[in-house]
Amino acid sequence: MMNRRGFLGATLLGAQLSAAGRVPTHKAKPVKLFATPEGHPNALEATPEGLWVGEQVSDTAYLLDWKTGKVLKKIPTEASNTSGIAFGGGYLWMAANGGPVMRAAKPDERKDGRIVKVDPELGRTVGVFEVPDGGGCHGLVYAEGSLWMTCFKWKVIAQVDPDTFQVRHTFPLHLTRPHGLAWDPPGMWVGYSNDYIFLKQDIADGRVLEVVTLEKGETPDPHGMDIYQGKMYVCDAGIAPGAKPSGSTGAGYVYRLDW
């Protein structure tokens, strides 16, 4: 059942789309590509070298071959409940959405939301930063010298200085459970997992520029997302809110969305 905030968000979004009149809208067809190494992919980052995947249970980052899914690099990280991943400025950035999920906590493991900065060559943590609104973080992307991330408490996407973590700019979110982010100027794609919808939002003010939909309840249950060479990629972690198995038949796989 949609809560009041979700209902109001959907109502406002509907009004905005009606007012816009001709926002391009596409129904996507999911194409299964390959399974991830551990079967709980909750974050994607597309690069020419390969597809970075953040596994939600182990919090390991894998670089996978685009064609075969073969592991090119494996980096254990100090994130927990990994829900976003970005690569930029020479570093790997992991969005820790809270304490560990479906595994025992490690000694002295933190349980708060934070961004973990990792040296991808040495595989070690070089920085840990609080999410600006003090909450967790699902979506994360590095673009134009900034980190952009979901802030649930503020209900915005925040543009953050990667060195100081000072907020440079924000734009509003429209629906609940925002997840994967993908840079596509002048907009940014935001995946809203509860609604099986992806909105390309203007980074200046959050206006909807384009819409991609999946049939709700269809495979995959969308978690991480990114855009590469004009194609959208998503993954299905197989884990529902509350750290419960989702029962999704697409769990553990990476998909391309065609339209």
Foldseek 3Di string as FASTA:
>chain_A
DDDPLQVVLVVVLVVLCVVVPDQAEAEWDKDFQDFAPPQAFFEWEDDPQAIWTQHQAQRKIFGAHPRHRHTPDIARALAARWQYWEDDPQWIKTWRQFHHFPDDGDVPRGGFTWIFTARRVVRYTDDIGAQVVRGGWHEWYDDPQWIWTQDQVVQWIFTARPPPRDTDDIEHHRHPQWHYWEDDPCWIWIQRQQQQKIFTAGRHHGRGRHIYGYPPPAPDSFGHWYADPRKIKTAHRQADPVSHGPPGPRTRTMIIIDD
